[in-house]
Amino acid sequence: MDGASDPTQDPAAFSSRCSARERERQLGTGFAWSMWHRGHFCGEINVNNVVRGAFQSGHIGYWVDERWAGYGFVPEALVAIFGHAFDRAGLHRLQISIIPRNSASRRVVEKLGLRYEGLAEGYLKIAGDWEDHMHFGITAEEWEERREELWQFVSDITVSA
């Protein structure tokens, strides 16, 4: 949201963000988790904009503190999110949208072998500018087919971290 306080710098904004995430969880419209490593807060990952009915879909968002980038937390968290979204929450499809210049986030979805679905021009307004986004997706059927492969990837990350 334009003009909003930064929740990583403002405790009141962080508290408000946590309250909003809790409301989304209660309503079933979103699920959020924080990422921690040895007592250090590293980032956040969430499934938001969950739509039920015939769609059964949600959007994944994530960020990681630059001090913890490159440690494999996001790919590991994504696989855990897939398990929750498909196996527990009953979603059919998840989408991740990435600004093309964000090479670190692109590497994450490429490592996991997520399907590229195309470019959406002017998709989200970020810092006052309408930004293009690359869309990546995974369905429950793809998860079912690749579950063991993806969980093994998490095991590899955990061992090497």
N, C-alpha and C. Protein backbone atom coordinates (compact mmCIF):
# COMPACT_ATOMS: atom_id res chain seq x y z
N MET A 1 0.85 -1.16 0.00
CA MET A 1 0.00 0.00 0.00
C MET A 1 0.90 1.23 0.00
N ASP A 2 0.62 2.19 -0.85
CA ASP A 2 1.42 3.42 -0.93
C ASP A 2 1.31 4.20 0.38
N GLY A 3 2.45 4.69 0.89
CA GLY A 3 2.48 5.50 2.09
C GLY A 3 2.39 4.72 3.39
N ALA A 4 2.30 3.42 3.33
CA ALA A 4 2.20 2.60 4.54
C ALA A 4 3.56 2.51 5.23
N SER A 5 3.52 2.38 6.55
CA SER A 5 4.75 2.20 7.31
C SER A 5 5.37 0.85 7.00
N ASP A 6 6.67 0.78 7.10
CA ASP A 6 7.42 -0.45 6.84
C ASP A 6 7.35 -1.36 8.07
N PRO A 7 6.71 -2.53 7.95
CA PRO A 7 6.57 -3.40 9.12
C PRO A 7 7.91 -3.95 9.65
N THR A 8 8.96 -3.88 8.85
CA THR A 8 10.26 -4.34 9.35
C THR A 8 10.94 -3.26 10.19
N GLN A 9 10.43 -2.01 10.12
CA GLN A 9 11.02 -0.90 10.87
C GLN A 9 10.08 -0.33 11.95
N ASP A 10 8.78 -0.52 11.79
CA ASP A 10 7.79 0.08 12.67
C ASP A 10 7.01 -1.01 13.42
N PRO A 11 7.22 -1.13 14.76
CA PRO A 11 6.53 -2.18 15.52
C PRO A 11 5.01 -2.13 15.40
N ALA A 12 4.42 -0.94 15.33
CA ALA A 12 2.96 -0.83 15.19
C ALA A 12 2.51 -1.38 13.83
N ALA A 13 3.28 -1.09 12.78
CA ALA A 13 2.95 -1.61 11.46
C ALA A 13 3.10 -3.13 11.43
N PHE A 14 4.11 -3.64 12.12
CA PHE A 14 4.30 -5.10 12.19
C PHE A 14 3.13 -5.75 12.91
N SER A 15 2.72 -5.16 14.03
CA SER A 15 1.58 -5.69 14.79
C SER A 15 0.31 -5.67 13.95
N SER A 16 0.10 -4.59 13.22
CA SER A 16 -1.07 -4.49 12.35
C SER A 16 -1.03 -5.56 11.26
N ARG A 17 0.14 -5.78 10.69
CA ARG A 17 0.30 -6.81 9.66
C ARG A 17 -0.01 -8.20 10.23
N CYS A 18 0.46 -8.46 11.44
CA CYS A 18 0.19 -9.75 12.08
C CYS A 18 -1.31 -9.93 12.33
N SER A 19 -1.98 -8.88 12.75
CA SER A 19 -3.43 -8.94 12.98
C SER A 19 -4.17 -9.22 11.67
N ALA A 20 -3.74 -8.57 10.60
CA ALA A 20 -4.38 -8.80 9.30
C ALA A 20 -4.17 -10.24 8.85
N ARG A 21 -2.97 -10.77 9.04
CA ARG A 21 -2.69 -12.16 8.66
C ARG A 21 -3.54 -13.13 9.48
N GLU A 22 -3.73 -12.83 10.77
CA GLU A 22 -4.56 -13.69 11.61
C GLU A 22 -6.01 -13.66 11.13
N ARG A 23 -6.52 -12.49 10.76
CA ARG A 23 -7.89 -12.41 10.22
C ARG A 23 -8.01 -13.23 8.93
N GLU A 24 -7.02 -13.13 8.05
CA GLU A 24 -7.04 -13.92 6.81
C GLU A 24 -7.07 -15.41 7.13
N ARG A 25 -6.26 -15.83 8.11
CA ARG A 25 -6.23 -17.25 8.48
C ARG A 25 -7.61 -17.69 8.98
N GLN A 26 -8.20 -16.88 9.86
CA GLN A 26 -9.52 -17.23 10.41
C GLN A 26 -10.58 -17.31 9.32
N LEU A 27 -10.49 -16.44 8.33
CA LEU A 27 -11.47 -16.43 7.23
C LEU A 27 -11.17 -17.48 6.16
N GLY A 28 -9.96 -18.04 6.21
CA GLY A 28 -9.56 -19.00 5.19
C GLY A 28 -9.14 -18.35 3.88
N THR A 29 -8.86 -17.05 3.90
CA THR A 29 -8.47 -16.34 2.68
C THR A 29 -6.96 -16.17 2.56
N GLY A 30 -6.23 -16.61 3.58
CA GLY A 30 -4.78 -16.51 3.53
C GLY A 30 -4.13 -17.24 4.69
N PHE A 31 -2.87 -17.59 4.50
CA PHE A 31 -2.08 -18.30 5.50
C PHE A 31 -0.67 -17.72 5.46
N ALA A 32 -0.11 -17.39 6.62
CA ALA A 32 1.22 -16.78 6.64
C ALA A 32 2.11 -17.46 7.67
N TRP A 33 3.39 -17.52 7.35
CA TRP A 33 4.39 -18.07 8.25
C TRP A 33 5.62 -17.16 8.24
N SER A 34 6.31 -17.17 9.35
CA SER A 34 7.59 -16.47 9.38
C SER A 34 8.69 -17.51 9.23
N MET A 35 9.84 -17.07 8.74
CA MET A 35 10.99 -17.95 8.59
C MET A 35 12.03 -17.56 9.63
N TRP A 36 12.51 -18.56 10.37
CA TRP A 36 13.48 -18.34 11.45
C TRP A 36 14.65 -19.28 11.26
N HIS A 37 15.80 -18.84 11.69
CA HIS A 37 17.00 -19.69 11.68
C HIS A 37 17.80 -19.38 12.94
N ARG A 38 17.92 -20.38 13.80
CA ARG A 38 18.70 -20.24 15.05
C ARG A 38 18.32 -18.98 15.83
N GLY A 39 17.02 -18.76 15.97
CA GLY A 39 16.52 -17.65 16.74
C GLY A 39 16.48 -16.31 16.03
N HIS A 40 16.84 -16.28 14.76
CA HIS A 40 16.84 -15.04 13.99
C HIS A 40 15.68 -15.04 13.00
N PHE A 41 14.91 -13.97 13.00
CA PHE A 41 13.82 -13.80 12.05
C PHE A 41 14.43 -13.52 10.68
N CYS A 42 14.09 -14.36 9.70
CA CYS A 42 14.72 -14.27 8.37
C CYS A 42 13.79 -13.74 7.29
N GLY A 43 12.48 -13.89 7.47
CA GLY A 43 11.57 -13.43 6.44
C GLY A 43 10.18 -13.98 6.64
N GLU A 44 9.36 -13.83 5.61
CA GLU A 44 7.96 -14.23 5.67
C GLU A 44 7.57 -14.90 4.36
N ILE A 45 6.64 -15.85 4.47
CA ILE A 45 6.07 -16.48 3.29
C ILE A 45 4.58 -16.63 3.55
N ASN A 46 3.77 -16.40 2.52
CA ASN A 46 2.34 -16.49 2.73
C ASN A 46 1.62 -16.96 1.47
N VAL A 47 0.43 -17.47 1.70
CA VAL A 47 -0.53 -17.74 0.62
C VAL A 47 -1.65 -16.74 0.87
N ASN A 48 -1.89 -15.87 -0.10
CA ASN A 48 -2.94 -14.87 0.06
C ASN A 48 -3.89 -14.91 -1.13
N ASN A 49 -4.90 -14.08 -1.06
CA ASN A 49 -5.92 -14.03 -2.11
C ASN A 49 -6.48 -15.42 -2.41
N VAL A 50 -6.69 -16.20 -1.35
CA VAL A 50 -7.25 -17.54 -1.53
C VAL A 50 -8.71 -17.41 -1.96
N VAL A 51 -9.03 -18.06 -3.06
CA VAL A 51 -10.39 -18.08 -3.58
C VAL A 51 -10.86 -19.52 -3.59
N ARG A 52 -12.02 -19.75 -3.03
CA ARG A 52 -12.58 -21.11 -2.98
C ARG A 52 -13.53 -21.31 -4.15
N GLY A 53 -14.53 -22.12 -3.97
CA GLY A 53 -15.48 -22.39 -5.05
C GLY A 53 -14.80 -23.15 -6.17
N ALA A 54 -15.12 -22.81 -7.38
CA ALA A 54 -14.57 -23.52 -8.54
C ALA A 54 -13.08 -23.21 -8.75
N PHE A 55 -12.57 -22.12 -8.18
CA PHE A 55 -11.18 -21.71 -8.42
C PHE A 55 -10.18 -22.45 -7.53
N GLN A 56 -10.43 -22.52 -6.22
CA GLN A 56 -9.55 -23.22 -5.26
C GLN A 56 -8.08 -22.87 -5.48
N SER A 57 -7.78 -21.59 -5.43
CA SER A 57 -6.46 -21.11 -5.80
C SER A 57 -5.97 -20.05 -4.83
N GLY A 58 -4.67 -19.83 -4.83
CA GLY A 58 -4.08 -18.77 -4.02
C GLY A 58 -2.77 -18.29 -4.62
N HIS A 59 -2.34 -17.13 -4.16
CA HIS A 59 -1.08 -16.53 -4.60
C HIS A 59 -0.06 -16.62 -3.48
N ILE A 60 1.15 -16.99 -3.81
CA ILE A 60 2.23 -17.06 -2.83
C ILE A 60 3.06 -15.79 -2.91
N GLY A 61 3.38 -15.26 -1.76
CA GLY A 61 4.31 -14.14 -1.66
C GLY A 61 5.37 -14.48 -0.63
N TYR A 62 6.56 -13.95 -0.81
CA TYR A 62 7.61 -14.19 0.17
C TYR A 62 8.65 -13.09 0.10
N TRP A 63 9.36 -12.93 1.19
CA TRP A 63 10.52 -12.06 1.23
C TRP A 63 11.47 -12.62 2.27
N VAL A 64 12.73 -12.35 2.08
CA VAL A 64 13.75 -12.79 3.03
C VAL A 64 14.70 -11.62 3.27
N ASP A 65 15.09 -11.46 4.50
CA ASP A 65 16.07 -10.43 4.86
C ASP A 65 17.34 -10.68 4.06
N GLU A 66 17.89 -9.64 3.48
CA GLU A 66 19.07 -9.81 2.61
C GLU A 66 20.23 -10.48 3.32
N ARG A 67 20.30 -10.35 4.65
CA ARG A 67 21.37 -11.03 5.40
C ARG A 67 21.25 -12.55 5.34
N TRP A 68 20.04 -13.04 5.05
CA TRP A 68 19.79 -14.48 5.04
C TRP A 68 19.53 -15.00 3.63
N ALA A 69 19.65 -14.15 2.64
CA ALA A 69 19.43 -14.57 1.26
C ALA A 69 20.51 -15.58 0.85
N GLY A 70 20.12 -16.55 0.07
CA GLY A 70 21.07 -17.52 -0.45
C GLY A 70 21.28 -18.75 0.43
N TYR A 71 20.60 -18.81 1.57
CA TYR A 71 20.74 -19.96 2.47
C TYR A 71 19.74 -21.08 2.17
N GLY A 72 18.85 -20.88 1.21
CA GLY A 72 17.89 -21.91 0.84
C GLY A 72 16.62 -21.93 1.65
N PHE A 73 16.38 -20.89 2.45
CA PHE A 73 15.17 -20.86 3.27
C PHE A 73 13.90 -20.78 2.43
N VAL A 74 13.91 -19.98 1.37
CA VAL A 74 12.70 -19.79 0.58
C VAL A 74 12.30 -21.05 -0.17
N PRO A 75 13.22 -21.73 -0.89
CA PRO A 75 12.79 -22.98 -1.54
C PRO A 75 12.24 -24.00 -0.54
N GLU A 76 12.89 -24.11 0.61
CA GLU A 76 12.42 -25.05 1.63
C GLU A 76 11.03 -24.65 2.12
N ALA A 77 10.84 -23.36 2.39
CA ALA A 77 9.54 -22.89 2.85
C ALA A 77 8.46 -23.08 1.78
N LEU A 78 8.82 -22.86 0.52
CA LEU A 78 7.84 -23.06 -0.55
C LEU A 78 7.34 -24.50 -0.60
N VAL A 79 8.23 -25.44 -0.46
CA VAL A 79 7.81 -26.85 -0.49
C VAL A 79 6.88 -27.14 0.68
N ALA A 80 7.19 -26.59 1.86
CA ALA A 80 6.30 -26.77 3.01
C ALA A 80 4.94 -26.13 2.74
N ILE A 81 4.94 -24.97 2.09
CA ILE A 81 3.69 -24.30 1.73
C ILE A 81 2.88 -25.15 0.76
N PHE A 82 3.55 -25.74 -0.22
CA PHE A 82 2.85 -26.62 -1.17
C PHE A 82 2.15 -27.74 -0.41
N GLY A 83 2.88 -28.36 0.52
CA GLY A 83 2.29 -29.45 1.30
C GLY A 83 1.06 -28.99 2.07
N HIS A 84 1.16 -27.85 2.71
CA HIS A 84 0.01 -27.34 3.47
C HIS A 84 -1.15 -26.98 2.54
N ALA A 85 -0.86 -26.22 1.50
CA ALA A 85 -1.92 -25.73 0.62
C ALA A 85 -2.66 -26.86 -0.10
N PHE A 86 -1.91 -27.84 -0.59
CA PHE A 86 -2.54 -28.92 -1.35
C PHE A 86 -3.06 -30.04 -0.46
N ASP A 87 -2.29 -30.44 0.54
CA ASP A 87 -2.67 -31.60 1.35
C ASP A 87 -3.60 -31.27 2.51
N ARG A 88 -3.50 -30.06 3.07
CA ARG A 88 -4.32 -29.71 4.23
C ARG A 88 -5.42 -28.72 3.89
N ALA A 89 -5.09 -27.67 3.11
CA ALA A 89 -6.08 -26.62 2.83
C ALA A 89 -6.95 -26.94 1.62
N GLY A 90 -6.57 -27.98 0.85
CA GLY A 90 -7.40 -28.41 -0.27
C GLY A 90 -7.39 -27.50 -1.48
N LEU A 91 -6.35 -26.68 -1.63
CA LEU A 91 -6.28 -25.83 -2.82
C LEU A 91 -5.91 -26.67 -4.05
N HIS A 92 -6.26 -26.17 -5.21
CA HIS A 92 -5.93 -26.87 -6.45
C HIS A 92 -4.76 -26.23 -7.18
N ARG A 93 -4.55 -24.93 -6.97
CA ARG A 93 -3.53 -24.22 -7.75
C ARG A 93 -2.90 -23.13 -6.91
N LEU A 94 -1.60 -22.96 -7.09
CA LEU A 94 -0.86 -21.85 -6.48
C LEU A 94 -0.11 -21.10 -7.56
N GLN A 95 0.01 -19.80 -7.37
CA GLN A 95 0.71 -18.95 -8.33
C GLN A 95 1.73 -18.10 -7.59
N ILE A 96 2.88 -17.91 -8.21
CA ILE A 96 3.91 -17.01 -7.71
C ILE A 96 4.19 -16.01 -8.82
N SER A 97 4.16 -14.71 -8.47
CA SER A 97 4.39 -13.65 -9.45
C SER A 97 5.67 -12.91 -9.06
N ILE A 98 6.57 -12.73 -10.03
CA ILE A 98 7.89 -12.18 -9.75
C ILE A 98 8.21 -11.07 -10.75
N ILE A 99 8.72 -9.95 -10.24
CA ILE A 99 9.20 -8.88 -11.12
C ILE A 99 10.39 -9.45 -11.90
N PRO A 100 10.41 -9.30 -13.22
CA PRO A 100 11.47 -9.91 -14.03
C PRO A 100 12.89 -9.61 -13.58
N ARG A 101 13.15 -8.42 -13.06
CA ARG A 101 14.53 -8.09 -12.66
C ARG A 101 14.94 -8.74 -11.33
N ASN A 102 13.99 -9.39 -10.63
CA ASN A 102 14.30 -10.02 -9.35
C ASN A 102 14.90 -11.41 -9.61
N SER A 103 16.17 -11.42 -9.94
CA SER A 103 16.84 -12.67 -10.32
C SER A 103 16.89 -13.68 -9.17
N ALA A 104 16.99 -13.21 -7.93
CA ALA A 104 17.04 -14.14 -6.79
C ALA A 104 15.73 -14.92 -6.68
N SER A 105 14.60 -14.24 -6.80
CA SER A 105 13.31 -14.93 -6.74
C SER A 105 13.11 -15.84 -7.94
N ARG A 106 13.57 -15.40 -9.09
CA ARG A 106 13.47 -16.27 -10.28
C ARG A 106 14.28 -17.55 -10.07
N ARG A 107 15.46 -17.43 -9.47
CA ARG A 107 16.29 -18.63 -9.20
C ARG A 107 15.55 -19.62 -8.30
N VAL A 108 14.80 -19.11 -7.34
CA VAL A 108 14.05 -19.99 -6.44
C VAL A 108 13.07 -20.86 -7.21
N VAL A 109 12.23 -20.24 -8.06
CA VAL A 109 11.22 -21.03 -8.77
C VAL A 109 11.86 -21.91 -9.84
N GLU A 110 12.99 -21.47 -10.40
CA GLU A 110 13.70 -22.30 -11.37
C GLU A 110 14.32 -23.52 -10.69
N LYS A 111 14.89 -23.34 -9.49
CA LYS A 111 15.46 -24.47 -8.74
C LYS A 111 14.41 -25.54 -8.49
N LEU A 112 13.19 -25.08 -8.17
CA LEU A 112 12.10 -26.01 -7.87
C LEU A 112 11.42 -26.54 -9.13
N GLY A 113 11.77 -25.98 -10.28
CA GLY A 113 11.19 -26.45 -11.53
C GLY A 113 9.72 -26.10 -11.68
N LEU A 114 9.32 -24.93 -11.17
CA LEU A 114 7.92 -24.53 -11.31
C LEU A 114 7.65 -24.08 -12.74
N ARG A 115 6.43 -24.31 -13.16
CA ARG A 115 6.01 -24.02 -14.53
C ARG A 115 5.87 -22.52 -14.75
N TYR A 116 6.52 -22.01 -15.80
CA TYR A 116 6.39 -20.60 -16.19
C TYR A 116 5.11 -20.46 -16.99
N GLU A 117 4.28 -19.48 -16.62
CA GLU A 117 2.98 -19.32 -17.28
C GLU A 117 2.88 -18.07 -18.14
N GLY A 118 3.87 -17.19 -18.06
CA GLY A 118 3.82 -16.00 -18.91
C GLY A 118 4.05 -14.71 -18.15
N LEU A 119 4.04 -13.62 -18.89
CA LEU A 119 4.29 -12.29 -18.36
C LEU A 119 2.99 -11.50 -18.30
N ALA A 120 2.71 -10.92 -17.14
CA ALA A 120 1.55 -10.04 -16.98
C ALA A 120 2.08 -8.61 -16.92
N GLU A 121 1.75 -7.82 -17.92
CA GLU A 121 2.24 -6.43 -17.97
C GLU A 121 1.43 -5.56 -17.02
N GLY A 122 2.15 -4.67 -16.31
CA GLY A 122 1.50 -3.75 -15.38
C GLY A 122 0.66 -4.46 -14.33
N TYR A 123 1.18 -5.54 -13.78
CA TYR A 123 0.40 -6.44 -12.90
C TYR A 123 0.15 -5.87 -11.51
N LEU A 124 1.18 -5.33 -10.85
CA LEU A 124 1.04 -4.79 -9.50
C LEU A 124 1.68 -3.42 -9.40
N LYS A 125 1.07 -2.57 -8.58
CA LYS A 125 1.64 -1.25 -8.32
C LYS A 125 2.57 -1.36 -7.12
N ILE A 126 3.85 -1.15 -7.37
CA ILE A 126 4.87 -1.26 -6.33
C ILE A 126 5.64 0.04 -6.29
N ALA A 127 5.68 0.64 -5.10
CA ALA A 127 6.39 1.91 -4.91
C ALA A 127 5.96 2.95 -5.95
N GLY A 128 4.66 2.98 -6.26
CA GLY A 128 4.13 3.98 -7.17
C GLY A 128 4.18 3.65 -8.65
N ASP A 129 4.80 2.52 -9.01
CA ASP A 129 4.92 2.15 -10.43
C ASP A 129 4.21 0.83 -10.69
N TRP A 130 3.53 0.76 -11.84
CA TRP A 130 2.91 -0.49 -12.26
C TRP A 130 4.00 -1.38 -12.84
N GLU A 131 4.23 -2.51 -12.19
CA GLU A 131 5.34 -3.41 -12.54
C GLU A 131 4.83 -4.66 -13.26
N ASP A 132 5.56 -5.06 -14.30
CA ASP A 132 5.30 -6.34 -14.96
C ASP A 132 5.71 -7.45 -14.00
N HIS A 133 5.07 -8.61 -14.14
CA HIS A 133 5.41 -9.78 -13.32
C HIS A 133 5.39 -11.04 -14.17
N MET A 134 6.34 -11.90 -13.91
CA MET A 134 6.37 -13.23 -14.50
C MET A 134 5.53 -14.14 -13.59
N HIS A 135 4.66 -14.94 -14.20
CA HIS A 135 3.81 -15.86 -13.42
C HIS A 135 4.36 -17.27 -13.50
N PHE A 136 4.42 -17.91 -12.33
CA PHE A 136 4.80 -19.31 -12.22
C PHE A 136 3.68 -20.01 -11.46
N GLY A 137 3.40 -21.27 -11.80
CA GLY A 137 2.30 -21.97 -11.15
C GLY A 137 2.61 -23.42 -10.88
N ILE A 138 1.82 -23.96 -9.97
CA ILE A 138 1.85 -25.39 -9.67
C ILE A 138 0.43 -25.80 -9.27
N THR A 139 0.01 -26.95 -9.75
CA THR A 139 -1.31 -27.46 -9.42
C THR A 139 -1.18 -28.64 -8.46
N ALA A 140 -2.31 -29.03 -7.89
CA ALA A 140 -2.33 -30.18 -6.99
C ALA A 140 -1.86 -31.44 -7.71
N GLU A 141 -2.19 -31.56 -8.99
CA GLU A 141 -1.75 -32.74 -9.75
C GLU A 141 -0.23 -32.74 -9.92
N GLU A 142 0.34 -31.57 -10.19
CA GLU A 142 1.80 -31.48 -10.30
C GLU A 142 2.46 -31.78 -8.96
N TRP A 143 1.88 -31.26 -7.87
CA TRP A 143 2.40 -31.54 -6.53
C TRP A 143 2.38 -33.04 -6.27
N GLU A 144 1.26 -33.67 -6.57
CA GLU A 144 1.14 -35.11 -6.34
C GLU A 144 2.22 -35.88 -7.11
N GLU A 145 2.44 -35.47 -8.34
CA GLU A 145 3.44 -36.14 -9.19
C GLU A 145 4.87 -35.87 -8.73
N ARG A 146 5.14 -34.68 -8.19
CA ARG A 146 6.51 -34.27 -7.88
C ARG A 146 6.81 -34.20 -6.38
N ARG A 147 5.84 -34.57 -5.55
CA ARG A 147 5.96 -34.44 -4.10
C ARG A 147 7.27 -35.01 -3.56
N GLU A 148 7.57 -36.26 -3.86
CA GLU A 148 8.79 -36.88 -3.32
C GLU A 148 10.05 -36.17 -3.80
N GLU A 149 10.08 -35.80 -5.06
CA GLU A 149 11.23 -35.06 -5.62
C GLU A 149 11.42 -33.74 -4.87
N LEU A 150 10.33 -33.00 -4.65
CA LEU A 150 10.44 -31.71 -3.99
C LEU A 150 10.79 -31.85 -2.51
N TRP A 151 10.22 -32.85 -1.82
CA TRP A 151 10.60 -33.06 -0.41
C TRP A 151 12.06 -33.47 -0.30
N GLN A 152 12.56 -34.22 -1.25
CA GLN A 152 13.98 -34.58 -1.23
C GLN A 152 14.85 -33.34 -1.39
N PHE A 153 14.40 -32.41 -2.21
CA PHE A 153 15.12 -31.16 -2.38
C PHE A 153 15.24 -30.43 -1.05
N VAL A 154 14.15 -30.43 -0.29
CA VAL A 154 14.16 -29.80 1.03
C VAL A 154 15.16 -30.50 1.93
N SER A 155 15.17 -31.81 1.91
CA SER A 155 16.14 -32.56 2.72
C SER A 155 17.55 -32.18 2.33
N ASP A 156 17.81 -32.03 1.03
CA ASP A 156 19.15 -31.64 0.59
C ASP A 156 19.52 -30.26 1.12
N ILE A 157 18.56 -29.33 1.08
CA ILE A 157 18.83 -27.98 1.58
C ILE A 157 19.11 -28.02 3.07
N THR A 158 18.29 -28.75 3.81
CA THR A 158 18.44 -28.81 5.25
C THR A 158 19.80 -29.35 5.63
N VAL A 159 20.27 -30.39 4.95
CA VAL A 159 21.55 -30.99 5.25
C VAL A 159 22.69 -30.04 4.94
N SER A 160 22.56 -29.28 3.86
CA SER A 160 23.67 -28.42 3.42
C SER A 160 23.66 -27.05 4.09
N ALA A 161 22.55 -26.70 4.75
CA ALA A 161 22.47 -25.34 5.35
C ALA A 161 23.29 -25.24 6.62
